[in-house]
Amino acid sequence: MLQPHELSPATLARLSATFPFKFTNADEAVNGILDELQKLQSIAPGSPAPRPSTGAKAASSTFGALYEFIANGDFTAGDELRWERPSLRETHIAHVDANGCIVTEDGEAHAYPTNALARIAPGQQPHPWEAFVHSASGKTIGDWREVYRRRNHAELAPSGEDGRTLSWTEMIATVLERMPDGTWTTYGDLARLTGHHQREIGGHIARAHDLKNAWRVLLAEGKVSPNFDWPGEDLGDPHALLRKEGVRFSPSLVADRTQRLHVEDLRKLLTQ
């Protein structure tokens, strides 16, 4: 039986098909949707940009996932996107319209790469942001998204005492050191804080031998990662250490959600 805070696998699958993220749990789903809403709120009000004459059938008021690339001049309406499938000897061509939608060969405009791929090849599941290559630059649209993520986070990154902008690894070290006893956070929150993928966060924590309080970073559901390993001296069972610091666990070893620090809380720690 689903708990009140959980989403069914079917619901998570629908969210993954609608938004440009792969969700594995309710927490990631909610935060991903909030990120998308923030993007929409940041778009200046007014009429949408005129659409190129592609014959696209989607509503002209629809803004797509690539709109930011268009608005900043890195992409131009009409730019070609290619999906190469060497094993099948196929090349699929799509184009970007002025609203940042992906227009497939049949003239349909799709707000997200996932939807465009599903239209081209139903049932196929390549990574939607890695499949399409922006022909003019030679980069995947996923590479471009990463450029924008890091650029946006760099603009928000705080400065250290010497006035120098903190790197993403310094941001992690700073917030972990400043976290009060009895609190915990997640790899996902650190990812949203720094603009780097959760896998990069996990890899960095595993390698950073001088990193303080690494055991306070848990999975989104509040459990210690089964892959957690001490980056330096082995301090024993991380559950025991967290309990000693004041973190409460359920019988199934899920940390108390009221003690979690979300990305907004971590940002506040950076400004202390």
C-alpha atoms as a PDB file:
ATOM      1  CA  MET A   1       0.000   0.000   0.000  1.00  0.00           C
ATOM      2  CA  LEU A   2       1.297   3.437  -0.910  1.00  0.00           C
ATOM      3  CA  GLN A   3       2.109   5.834   1.894  1.00  0.00           C
ATOM      4  CA  PRO A   4       0.564   9.348   1.745  1.00  0.00           C
ATOM      5  CA  HIS A   5       3.878  10.855   0.548  1.00  0.00           C
ATOM      6  CA  GLU A   6       4.532   8.234  -2.146  1.00  0.00           C
ATOM      7  CA  LEU A   7       3.660   8.160  -5.845  1.00  0.00           C
ATOM      8  CA  SER A   8       2.742   5.058  -7.756  1.00  0.00           C
ATOM      9  CA  PRO A   9       5.137   3.705 -10.424  1.00  0.00           C
ATOM     10  CA  ALA A  10       2.538   4.592 -13.069  1.00  0.00           C
ATOM     11  CA  THR A  11       2.422   8.220 -11.907  1.00  0.00           C
ATOM     12  CA  LEU A  12       6.219   8.463 -11.848  1.00  0.00           C
ATOM     13  CA  ALA A  13       6.314   7.061 -15.384  1.00  0.00           C
ATOM     14  CA  ARG A  14       3.834   9.700 -16.595  1.00  0.00           C
ATOM     15  CA  LEU A  15       5.897  12.473 -14.983  1.00  0.00           C
ATOM     16  CA  SER A  16       9.077  11.165 -16.603  1.00  0.00           C
ATOM     17  CA  ALA A  17       7.326  11.191 -19.980  1.00  0.00           C
ATOM     18  CA  THR A  18       6.083  14.757 -19.493  1.00  0.00           C
ATOM     19  CA  PHE A  19       9.066  16.514 -17.920  1.00  0.00           C
ATOM     20  CA  PRO A  20      12.754  16.448 -18.995  1.00  0.00           C
ATOM     21  CA  PHE A  21      13.812  14.478 -15.942  1.00  0.00           C
ATOM     22  CA  LYS A  22      13.851  10.847 -14.908  1.00  0.00           C
ATOM     23  CA  PHE A  23      12.061  10.510 -11.582  1.00  0.00           C
ATOM     24  CA  THR A  24      12.644   7.601  -9.228  1.00  0.00           C
ATOM     25  CA  ASN A  25      10.714   8.847  -6.217  1.00  0.00           C
ATOM     26  CA  ALA A  26       8.148  11.406  -5.122  1.00  0.00           C
ATOM     27  CA  ASP A  27      10.705  13.861  -3.753  1.00  0.00           C
ATOM     28  CA  GLU A  28      12.584  14.097  -7.053  1.00  0.00           C
ATOM     29  CA  ALA A  29       9.291  14.418  -8.915  1.00  0.00           C
ATOM     30  CA  VAL A  30       8.048  17.348  -6.828  1.00  0.00           C
ATOM     31  CA  ASN A  31      11.387  19.173  -6.951  1.00  0.00           C
ATOM     32  CA  GLY A  32      11.691  18.616 -10.692  1.00  0.00           C
ATOM     33  CA  ILE A  33       8.233  20.045 -11.295  1.00  0.00           C
ATOM     34  CA  LEU A  34       9.011  23.036  -9.076  1.00  0.00           C
ATOM     35  CA  ASP A  35      12.172  23.677 -11.122  1.00  0.00           C
ATOM     36  CA  GLU A  36      10.089  23.691 -14.302  1.00  0.00           C
ATOM     37  CA  LEU A  37       7.522  26.078 -12.793  1.00  0.00           C
ATOM     38  CA  GLN A  38      10.312  28.454 -11.776  1.00  0.00           C
ATOM     39  CA  LYS A  39      11.581  28.444 -15.355  1.00  0.00           C
ATOM     40  CA  LEU A  40       8.114  29.322 -16.656  1.00  0.00           C
ATOM     41  CA  GLN A  41       7.763  32.125 -14.090  1.00  0.00           C
ATOM     42  CA  SER A  42      11.078  33.570 -15.237  1.00  0.00           C
ATOM     43  CA  ILE A  43       9.869  33.961 -18.812  1.00  0.00           C
ATOM     44  CA  ALA A  44       8.987  37.585 -19.499  1.00  0.00           C
ATOM     45  CA  PRO A  45       5.263  38.194 -19.909  1.00  0.00           C
ATOM     46  CA  GLY A  46       3.903  39.086 -23.275  1.00  0.00           C
ATOM     47  CA  SER A  47       3.197  37.425 -26.575  1.00  0.00           C
ATOM     48  CA  PRO A  48       5.277  34.388 -27.464  1.00  0.00           C
ATOM     49  CA  ALA A  49       7.912  34.714 -30.134  1.00  0.00           C
ATOM     50  CA  PRO A  50       6.619  34.206 -33.688  1.00  0.00           C
ATOM     51  CA  ARG A  51       6.926  30.636 -34.939  1.00  0.00           C
ATOM     52  CA  PRO A  52       8.875  29.767 -38.068  1.00  0.00           C
ATOM     53  CA  SER A  53       6.978  28.503 -41.067  1.00  0.00           C
ATOM     54  CA  THR A  54       7.423  24.812 -40.209  1.00  0.00           C
ATOM     55  CA  GLY A  55       3.754  23.942 -40.362  1.00  0.00           C
ATOM     56  CA  ALA A  56       3.933  22.843 -36.721  1.00  0.00           C
ATOM     57  CA  LYS A  57       0.570  21.841 -35.316  1.00  0.00           C
ATOM     58  CA  ALA A  58       1.181  22.526 -31.624  1.00  0.00           C
ATOM     59  CA  ALA A  59      -0.450  25.543 -29.987  1.00  0.00           C
ATOM     60  CA  SER A  60       1.514  28.708 -30.776  1.00  0.00           C
ATOM     61  CA  SER A  61       1.443  29.755 -27.106  1.00  0.00           C
ATOM     62  CA  THR A  62       3.442  26.697 -26.027  1.00  0.00           C
ATOM     63  CA  PHE A  63       6.950  27.311 -24.748  1.00  0.00           C
ATOM     64  CA  GLY A  64       9.304  24.364 -25.072  1.00  0.00           C
ATOM     65  CA  ALA A  65      12.214  23.090 -23.030  1.00  0.00           C
ATOM     66  CA  LEU A  66      14.695  24.732 -25.428  1.00  0.00           C
ATOM     67  CA  TYR A  67      13.161  28.210 -25.168  1.00  0.00           C
ATOM     68  CA  GLU A  68      15.991  29.515 -22.972  1.00  0.00           C
ATOM     69  CA  PHE A  69      18.516  28.535 -25.649  1.00  0.00           C
ATOM     70  CA  ILE A  70      16.502  30.491 -28.231  1.00  0.00           C
ATOM     71  CA  ALA A  71      15.981  33.516 -25.971  1.00  0.00           C
ATOM     72  CA  ASN A  72      19.719  33.793 -25.276  1.00  0.00           C
ATOM     73  CA  GLY A  73      20.733  33.451 -28.926  1.00  0.00           C
ATOM     74  CA  ASP A  74      22.590  30.137 -28.680  1.00  0.00           C
ATOM     75  CA  PHE A  75      19.906  28.492 -30.806  1.00  0.00           C
ATOM     76  CA  THR A  76      18.081  30.059 -33.744  1.00  0.00           C
ATOM     77  CA  ALA A  77      14.556  29.232 -34.881  1.00  0.00           C
ATOM     78  CA  GLY A  78      14.855  26.603 -37.563  1.00  0.00           C
ATOM     79  CA  ASP A  79      18.083  25.071 -36.235  1.00  0.00           C
ATOM     80  CA  GLU A  80      18.440  21.405 -37.115  1.00  0.00           C
ATOM     81  CA  LEU A  81      18.477  18.587 -34.563  1.00  0.00           C
ATOM     82  CA  ARG A  82      19.729  15.141 -35.597  1.00  0.00           C
ATOM     83  CA  TRP A  83      19.108  11.741 -34.028  1.00  0.00           C
ATOM     84  CA  GLU A  84      21.520   9.200 -35.465  1.00  0.00           C
ATOM     85  CA  ARG A  85      20.679   5.502 -35.135  1.00  0.00           C
ATOM     86  CA  PRO A  86      23.679   3.759 -36.733  1.00  0.00           C
ATOM     87  CA  SER A  87      22.531   0.233 -35.882  1.00  0.00           C
ATOM     88  CA  LEU A  88      19.373   0.834 -37.931  1.00  0.00           C
ATOM     89  CA  ARG A  89      21.099   3.038 -40.510  1.00  0.00           C
ATOM     90  CA  GLU A  90      18.588   5.775 -39.754  1.00  0.00           C
ATOM     91  CA  THR A  91      18.910   9.512 -39.263  1.00  0.00           C
ATOM     92  CA  HIS A  92      15.952  11.475 -37.977  1.00  0.00           C
ATOM     93  CA  ILE A  93      15.839  15.233 -38.503  1.00  0.00           C
ATOM     94  CA  ALA A  94      13.916  17.677 -36.332  1.00  0.00           C
ATOM     95  CA  HIS A  95      14.027  21.451 -35.956  1.00  0.00           C
ATOM     96  CA  VAL A  96      13.729  23.958 -33.149  1.00  0.00           C
ATOM     97  CA  ASP A  97      10.994  26.545 -33.457  1.00  0.00           C
ATOM     98  CA  ALA A  98      10.978  30.081 -32.069  1.00  0.00           C
ATOM     99  CA  ASN A  99       9.256  28.960 -28.869  1.00  0.00           C
ATOM    100  CA  GLY A 100      11.855  26.334 -28.073  1.00  0.00           C
ATOM    101  CA  CYS A 101       9.709  23.379 -29.151  1.00  0.00           C
ATOM    102  CA  ILE A 102      11.079  20.453 -31.157  1.00  0.00           C
ATOM    103  CA  VAL A 103       9.322  20.068 -34.507  1.00  0.00           C
ATOM    104  CA  THR A 104       9.470  16.510 -35.830  1.00  0.00           C
ATOM    105  CA  GLU A 105       9.378  15.494 -39.490  1.00  0.00           C
ATOM    106  CA  ASP A 106       5.589  15.191 -39.453  1.00  0.00           C
ATOM    107  CA  GLY A 107       5.206  18.869 -38.501  1.00  0.00           C
ATOM    108  CA  GLU A 108       4.223  18.236 -34.876  1.00  0.00           C
ATOM    109  CA  ALA A 109       5.777  20.550 -32.265  1.00  0.00           C
ATOM    110  CA  HIS A 110       6.748  18.996 -28.943  1.00  0.00           C
ATOM    111  CA  ALA A 111       7.577  20.915 -25.776  1.00  0.00           C
ATOM    112  CA  TYR A 112       9.962  18.242 -24.480  1.00  0.00           C
ATOM    113  CA  PRO A 113      12.542  15.932 -26.100  1.00  0.00           C
ATOM    114  CA  THR A 114      10.848  12.911 -24.513  1.00  0.00           C
ATOM    115  CA  ASN A 115       7.657  13.616 -26.431  1.00  0.00           C
ATOM    116  CA  ALA A 116       9.536  14.197 -29.687  1.00  0.00           C
ATOM    117  CA  LEU A 117      11.363  10.867 -29.425  1.00  0.00           C
ATOM    118  CA  ALA A 118       8.140   9.061 -28.579  1.00  0.00           C
ATOM    119  CA  ARG A 119       6.587  10.510 -31.746  1.00  0.00           C
ATOM    120  CA  ILE A 120       9.521   9.457 -33.926  1.00  0.00           C
ATOM    121  CA  ALA A 121      10.038   5.971 -32.511  1.00  0.00           C
ATOM    122  CA  PRO A 122       7.327   4.787 -30.087  1.00  0.00           C
ATOM    123  CA  GLY A 123       8.618   2.313 -27.551  1.00  0.00           C
ATOM    124  CA  GLN A 124      12.267   3.354 -27.886  1.00  0.00           C
ATOM    125  CA  GLN A 125      13.828   4.781 -24.736  1.00  0.00           C
ATOM    126  CA  PRO A 126      17.169   6.478 -25.405  1.00  0.00           C
ATOM    127  CA  HIS A 127      18.007   9.339 -23.076  1.00  0.00           C
ATOM    128  CA  PRO A 128      15.912  12.169 -24.606  1.00  0.00           C
ATOM    129  CA  TRP A 129      18.473  14.899 -23.910  1.00  0.00           C
ATOM    130  CA  GLU A 130      21.382  12.861 -25.254  1.00  0.00           C
ATOM    131  CA  ALA A 131      19.746  11.531 -28.436  1.00  0.00           C
ATOM    132  CA  PHE A 132      19.310  14.867 -30.226  1.00  0.00           C
ATOM    133  CA  VAL A 133      22.443  16.648 -31.465  1.00  0.00           C
ATOM    134  CA  HIS A 134      22.282  20.352 -32.301  1.00  0.00           C
ATOM    135  CA  SER A 135      23.810  20.311 -35.790  1.00  0.00           C
ATOM    136  CA  ALA A 136      25.144  23.877 -35.722  1.00  0.00           C
ATOM    137  CA  SER A 137      27.250  23.320 -32.591  1.00  0.00           C
ATOM    138  CA  GLY A 138      27.775  19.571 -32.624  1.00  0.00           C
ATOM    139  CA  LYS A 139      26.659  19.359 -28.988  1.00  0.00           C
ATOM    140  CA  THR A 140      23.760  17.317 -27.677  1.00  0.00           C
ATOM    141  CA  ILE A 141      20.911  19.336 -26.261  1.00  0.00           C
ATOM    142  CA  GLY A 142      21.797  17.696 -22.942  1.00  0.00           C
ATOM    143  CA  ASP A 143      25.258  19.273 -23.153  1.00  0.00           C
ATOM    144  CA  TRP A 144      23.614  22.635 -23.747  1.00  0.00           C
ATOM    145  CA  ARG A 145      21.284  22.131 -20.788  1.00  0.00           C
ATOM    146  CA  GLU A 146      24.299  21.410 -18.579  1.00  0.00           C
ATOM    147  CA  VAL A 147      25.970  24.627 -19.806  1.00  0.00           C
ATOM    148  CA  TYR A 148      22.914  26.618 -18.739  1.00  0.00           C
ATOM    149  CA  ARG A 149      22.550  24.835 -15.413  1.00  0.00           C
ATOM    150  CA  ARG A 150      26.130  25.559 -14.455  1.00  0.00           C
ATOM    151  CA  ARG A 151      25.947  29.124 -15.751  1.00  0.00           C
ATOM    152  CA  ASN A 152      22.806  29.823 -13.719  1.00  0.00           C
ATOM    153  CA  HIS A 153      24.269  28.278 -10.582  1.00  0.00           C
ATOM    154  CA  ALA A 154      27.521  30.190 -11.057  1.00  0.00           C
ATOM    155  CA  GLU A 155      25.551  33.435 -11.067  1.00  0.00           C
ATOM    156  CA  LEU A 156      23.936  32.441  -7.762  1.00  0.00           C
ATOM    157  CA  ALA A 157      27.069  30.988  -6.189  1.00  0.00           C
ATOM    158  CA  PRO A 158      28.098  32.856  -3.039  1.00  0.00           C
ATOM    159  CA  SER A 159      31.537  34.283  -2.394  1.00  0.00           C
ATOM    160  CA  GLY A 160      33.973  33.261   0.286  1.00  0.00           C
ATOM    161  CA  GLU A 161      35.536  35.540   2.854  1.00  0.00           C
ATOM    162  CA  ASP A 162      38.175  36.576   0.298  1.00  0.00           C
ATOM    163  CA  GLY A 163      35.477  37.641  -2.182  1.00  0.00           C
ATOM    164  CA  ARG A 164      36.199  34.717  -4.523  1.00  0.00           C
ATOM    165  CA  THR A 165      33.218  32.792  -5.884  1.00  0.00           C
ATOM    166  CA  LEU A 166      32.971  29.372  -4.270  1.00  0.00           C
ATOM    167  CA  SER A 167      33.403  26.335  -6.490  1.00  0.00           C
ATOM    168  CA  TRP A 168      30.782  23.601  -6.354  1.00  0.00           C
ATOM    169  CA  THR A 169      33.022  21.381  -4.222  1.00  0.00           C
ATOM    170  CA  GLU A 170      33.634  24.264  -1.817  1.00  0.00           C
ATOM    171  CA  MET A 171      29.879  24.838  -1.589  1.00  0.00           C
ATOM    172  CA  ILE A 172      29.390  21.193  -0.566  1.00  0.00           C
ATOM    173  CA  ALA A 173      32.179  21.346   2.010  1.00  0.00           C
ATOM    174  CA  THR A 174      30.799  24.595   3.438  1.00  0.00           C
ATOM    175  CA  VAL A 175      27.201  23.465   3.897  1.00  0.00           C
ATOM    176  CA  LEU A 176      28.173  20.062   5.324  1.00  0.00           C
ATOM    177  CA  GLU A 177      30.457  21.711   7.860  1.00  0.00           C
ATOM    178  CA  ARG A 178      27.756  24.214   8.863  1.00  0.00           C
ATOM    179  CA  MET A 179      24.875  21.737   9.132  1.00  0.00           C
ATOM    180  CA  PRO A 180      23.656  21.595  12.758  1.00  0.00           C
ATOM    181  CA  ASP A 181      23.830  18.295  14.608  1.00  0.00           C
ATOM    182  CA  GLY A 182      20.631  16.321  14.222  1.00  0.00           C
ATOM    183  CA  THR A 183      20.034  17.341  10.593  1.00  0.00           C
ATOM    184  CA  TRP A 184      20.551  15.592   7.270  1.00  0.00           C
ATOM    185  CA  THR A 185      20.265  16.394   3.581  1.00  0.00           C
ATOM    186  CA  THR A 186      20.232  14.484   0.282  1.00  0.00           C
ATOM    187  CA  TYR A 187      22.376  14.031  -2.799  1.00  0.00           C
ATOM    188  CA  GLY A 188      19.512  15.601  -4.771  1.00  0.00           C
ATOM    189  CA  ASP A 189      19.495  18.755  -2.631  1.00  0.00           C
ATOM    190  CA  LEU A 190      23.254  19.122  -3.075  1.00  0.00           C
ATOM    191  CA  ALA A 191      22.791  18.597  -6.816  1.00  0.00           C
ATOM    192  CA  ARG A 192      20.205  21.386  -6.995  1.00  0.00           C
ATOM    193  CA  LEU A 193      22.430  23.607  -4.871  1.00  0.00           C
ATOM    194  CA  THR A 194      25.506  23.201  -7.070  1.00  0.00           C
ATOM    195  CA  GLY A 195      24.058  22.490 -10.506  1.00  0.00           C
ATOM    196  CA  HIS A 196      25.933  19.188 -10.731  1.00  0.00           C
ATOM    197  CA  HIS A 197      24.443  15.726 -11.211  1.00  0.00           C
ATOM    198  CA  GLN A 198      23.802  13.499  -8.204  1.00  0.00           C
ATOM    199  CA  ARG A 199      26.320  10.971  -9.542  1.00  0.00           C
ATOM    200  CA  GLU A 200      29.001  13.671  -9.494  1.00  0.00           C
ATOM    201  CA  ILE A 201      27.998  14.607  -5.951  1.00  0.00           C
ATOM    202  CA  GLY A 202      28.219  10.995  -4.792  1.00  0.00           C
ATOM    203  CA  GLY A 203      31.552  10.449  -6.529  1.00  0.00           C
ATOM    204  CA  HIS A 204      33.031  13.596  -5.020  1.00  0.00           C
ATOM    205  CA  ILE A 205      31.896  12.688  -1.495  1.00  0.00           C
ATOM    206  CA  ALA A 206      33.350   9.197  -1.864  1.00  0.00           C
ATOM    207  CA  ARG A 207      36.745  10.603  -2.893  1.00  0.00           C
ATOM    208  CA  ALA A 208      37.029  13.682  -0.653  1.00  0.00           C
ATOM    209  CA  HIS A 209      38.932  12.263   2.343  1.00  0.00           C
ATOM    210  CA  ASP A 210      38.960  15.570   4.229  1.00  0.00           C
ATOM    211  CA  LEU A 211      35.227  16.234   3.806  1.00  0.00           C
ATOM    212  CA  LYS A 212      33.441  16.760   7.126  1.00  0.00           C
ATOM    213  CA  ASN A 213      30.045  15.247   7.969  1.00  0.00           C
ATOM    214  CA  ALA A 214      29.768  13.207   4.757  1.00  0.00           C
ATOM    215  CA  TRP A 215      27.498  10.760   6.617  1.00  0.00           C
ATOM    216  CA  ARG A 216      24.802  13.427   6.813  1.00  0.00           C
ATOM    217  CA  VAL A 217      24.044  13.049   3.082  1.00  0.00           C
ATOM    218  CA  LEU A 218      21.295  10.457   2.548  1.00  0.00           C
ATOM    219  CA  LEU A 219      19.095   9.210  -0.260  1.00  0.00           C
ATOM    220  CA  ALA A 220      15.897  11.138  -1.017  1.00  0.00           C
ATOM    221  CA  GLU A 221      13.793   8.673   0.987  1.00  0.00           C
ATOM    222  CA  GLY A 222      15.934   9.290   4.078  1.00  0.00           C
ATOM    223  CA  LYS A 223      18.075   6.159   4.019  1.00  0.00           C
ATOM    224  CA  VAL A 224      21.831   5.761   4.057  1.00  0.00           C
ATOM    225  CA  SER A 225      22.983   4.860   0.566  1.00  0.00           C
ATOM    226  CA  PRO A 226      23.834   1.155   0.262  1.00  0.00           C
ATOM    227  CA  ASN A 227      26.936   2.302  -1.635  1.00  0.00           C
ATOM    228  CA  PHE A 228      28.090   4.659   1.117  1.00  0.00           C
ATOM    229  CA  ASP A 229      31.723   4.206   2.017  1.00  0.00           C
ATOM    230  CA  TRP A 230      33.830   6.280   4.357  1.00  0.00           C
ATOM    231  CA  PRO A 231      36.015   8.639   2.308  1.00  0.00           C
ATOM    232  CA  GLY A 232      38.629   8.693   5.058  1.00  0.00           C
ATOM    233  CA  GLU A 233      38.815   6.981   8.439  1.00  0.00           C
ATOM    234  CA  ASP A 234      36.149   4.315   8.950  1.00  0.00           C
ATOM    235  CA  LEU A 235      33.872   5.618  11.713  1.00  0.00           C
ATOM    236  CA  GLY A 236      31.620   2.568  11.842  1.00  0.00           C
ATOM    237  CA  ASP A 237      27.887   2.406  11.257  1.00  0.00           C
ATOM    238  CA  PRO A 238      26.702   5.805   9.924  1.00  0.00           C
ATOM    239  CA  HIS A 239      23.279   5.195  11.498  1.00  0.00           C
ATOM    240  CA  ALA A 240      24.884   5.052  14.942  1.00  0.00           C
ATOM    241  CA  LEU A 241      26.781   8.266  14.312  1.00  0.00           C
ATOM    242  CA  LEU A 242      23.684  10.067  13.056  1.00  0.00           C
ATOM    243  CA  ARG A 243      21.685   8.871  16.077  1.00  0.00           C
ATOM    244  CA  LYS A 244      24.426  10.160  18.366  1.00  0.00           C
ATOM    245  CA  GLU A 245      24.099  13.550  16.675  1.00  0.00           C
ATOM    246  CA  GLY A 246      20.323  13.547  17.203  1.00  0.00           C
ATOM    247  CA  VAL A 247      18.842  12.182  13.973  1.00  0.00           C
ATOM    248  CA  ARG A 248      15.803  10.008  14.616  1.00  0.00           C
ATOM    249  CA  PHE A 249      15.242   6.830  12.575  1.00  0.00           C
ATOM    250  CA  SER A 250      12.172   4.682  12.039  1.00  0.00           C
ATOM    251  CA  PRO A 251      12.358   0.908  12.598  1.00  0.00           C
ATOM    252  CA  SER A 252      13.018   0.583   8.840  1.00  0.00           C
ATOM    253  CA  LEU A 253      15.982   3.007   9.142  1.00  0.00           C
ATOM    254  CA  VAL A 254      14.312   5.994   7.493  1.00  0.00           C
ATOM    255  CA  ALA A 255      15.487   9.337   8.888  1.00  0.00           C
ATOM    256  CA  ASP A 256      12.941  11.761  10.345  1.00  0.00           C
ATOM    257  CA  ARG A 257      11.824  13.998   7.463  1.00  0.00           C
ATOM    258  CA  THR A 258      11.336  16.976   9.780  1.00  0.00           C
ATOM    259  CA  GLN A 259      15.102  17.007  10.366  1.00  0.00           C
ATOM    260  CA  ARG A 260      15.982  17.220   6.690  1.00  0.00           C
ATOM    261  CA  LEU A 261      17.596  20.346   5.238  1.00  0.00           C
ATOM    262  CA  HIS A 262      16.283  21.122   1.754  1.00  0.00           C
ATOM    263  CA  VAL A 263      18.129  23.117  -0.881  1.00  0.00           C
ATOM    264  CA  GLU A 264      16.645  26.393   0.402  1.00  0.00           C
ATOM    265  CA  ASP A 265      18.032  25.629   3.860  1.00  0.00           C
ATOM    266  CA  LEU A 266      21.437  24.816   2.392  1.00  0.00           C
ATOM    267  CA  ARG A 267      21.509  28.150   0.562  1.00  0.00           C
ATOM    268  CA  LYS A 268      20.920  29.903   3.857  1.00  0.00           C
ATOM    269  CA  LEU A 269      23.865  28.047   5.396  1.00  0.00           C
ATOM    270  CA  LEU A 270      26.087  29.377   2.606  1.00  0.00           C
ATOM    271  CA  THR A 271      25.248  32.969   3.524  1.00  0.00           C
ATOM    272  CA  GLN A 272      25.984  32.602   7.243  1.00  0.00           C
END
